[in-house]
Amino acid sequence: MILSNAISFPDLQFDAKTNSLLFNLAKWILNSKITQILREKSCFNFSDKVEKFKQDVTTKLNEPLVWRDEN
């Protein structure tokens, strides 16, 4: 298993159901190109957000503890 800070959908497929002859013809001709573009555009990198989260957690963990006396 490869771990990363990204989410992708390499097996993404789509199906547009329509009765439009023109659309169905375009879908038949361009199906692989449309699928390729959708797969490329559906990759989301969260590295910057993960790094910011790590920094925030580290900062909070390094803050001094404040004790309250309940008396």
Protein backbone atom coordinates (compact mmCIF):
# COMPACT_ATOMS: atom_id res chain seq x y z
CA MET A 1 0.00 0.00 0.00
CA ILE A 2 1.32 3.44 -0.94
CA LEU A 3 0.41 6.28 1.39
CA SER A 4 0.26 9.84 0.17
CA ASN A 5 -1.50 13.08 0.89
CA ALA A 6 -3.60 12.87 -2.26
CA ILE A 7 -6.88 11.37 -3.35
CA SER A 8 -7.40 10.24 -6.91
CA PHE A 9 -9.88 8.15 -8.83
CA PRO A 10 -7.88 6.23 -11.45
CA ASP A 11 -10.79 3.91 -12.27
CA LEU A 12 -13.31 6.73 -12.69
CA GLN A 13 -15.95 6.12 -15.33
CA PHE A 14 -19.02 8.05 -16.34
CA ASP A 15 -22.25 7.41 -18.14
CA ALA A 16 -24.44 10.14 -19.56
CA LYS A 17 -27.82 8.72 -20.47
CA THR A 18 -29.64 10.72 -23.07
CA ASN A 19 -31.78 10.26 -26.14
CA SER A 20 -29.87 12.95 -28.06
CA LEU A 21 -28.36 11.42 -31.17
CA LEU A 22 -25.76 14.19 -31.40
CA PHE A 23 -24.71 13.78 -27.78
CA ASN A 24 -24.53 9.99 -28.09
CA LEU A 25 -22.37 10.33 -31.21
CA ALA A 26 -20.03 12.76 -29.43
CA LYS A 27 -19.90 10.45 -26.41
CA TRP A 28 -19.01 7.50 -28.62
CA ILE A 29 -16.23 9.45 -30.37
CA LEU A 30 -14.86 11.29 -27.31
CA ASN A 31 -15.55 8.80 -24.51
CA SER A 32 -11.90 7.92 -23.77
CA LYS A 33 -10.81 11.58 -23.94
CA ILE A 34 -13.62 12.70 -21.60
CA THR A 35 -12.79 9.88 -19.17
CA GLN A 36 -9.10 10.82 -19.25
CA ILE A 37 -9.86 14.48 -18.52
CA LEU A 38 -12.23 13.57 -15.67
CA ARG A 39 -9.59 11.29 -14.12
CA GLU A 40 -6.93 14.02 -14.36
CA LYS A 41 -9.23 16.66 -12.86
CA SER A 42 -10.37 14.39 -10.02
CA CYS A 43 -6.98 14.20 -8.30
CA PHE A 44 -6.81 16.25 -5.11
CA ASN A 45 -3.55 16.90 -3.25
CA PHE A 46 -3.86 17.70 0.45
CA SER A 47 -0.14 17.99 1.27
CA ASP A 48 -0.35 21.65 2.27
CA LYS A 49 -3.38 21.04 4.50
CA VAL A 50 -1.79 17.98 6.13
CA GLU A 51 1.40 19.94 6.81
CA LYS A 52 -0.59 22.84 8.32
CA PHE A 53 -2.53 20.37 10.48
CA LYS A 54 0.73 18.82 11.73
CA GLN A 55 2.10 22.25 12.59
CA ASP A 56 -1.08 23.23 14.43
CA VAL A 57 -1.11 19.99 16.42
CA THR A 58 2.56 20.35 17.30
CA THR A 59 2.00 23.93 18.43
CA LYS A 60 -0.93 22.92 20.64
CA LEU A 61 0.93 19.94 22.10
CA ASN A 62 3.85 22.18 23.03
CA GLU A 63 1.75 24.77 24.85
CA PRO A 64 2.16 24.74 28.63
CA LEU A 65 -0.60 23.08 30.60
CA VAL A 66 -2.77 25.40 32.66
CA TRP A 67 -3.99 23.91 35.90
CA ARG A 68 -7.13 25.22 37.52
CA ASP A 69 -7.66 24.78 41.21
CA GLU A 70 -11.32 23.91 41.74
CA ASN A 71 -11.26 25.18 45.36
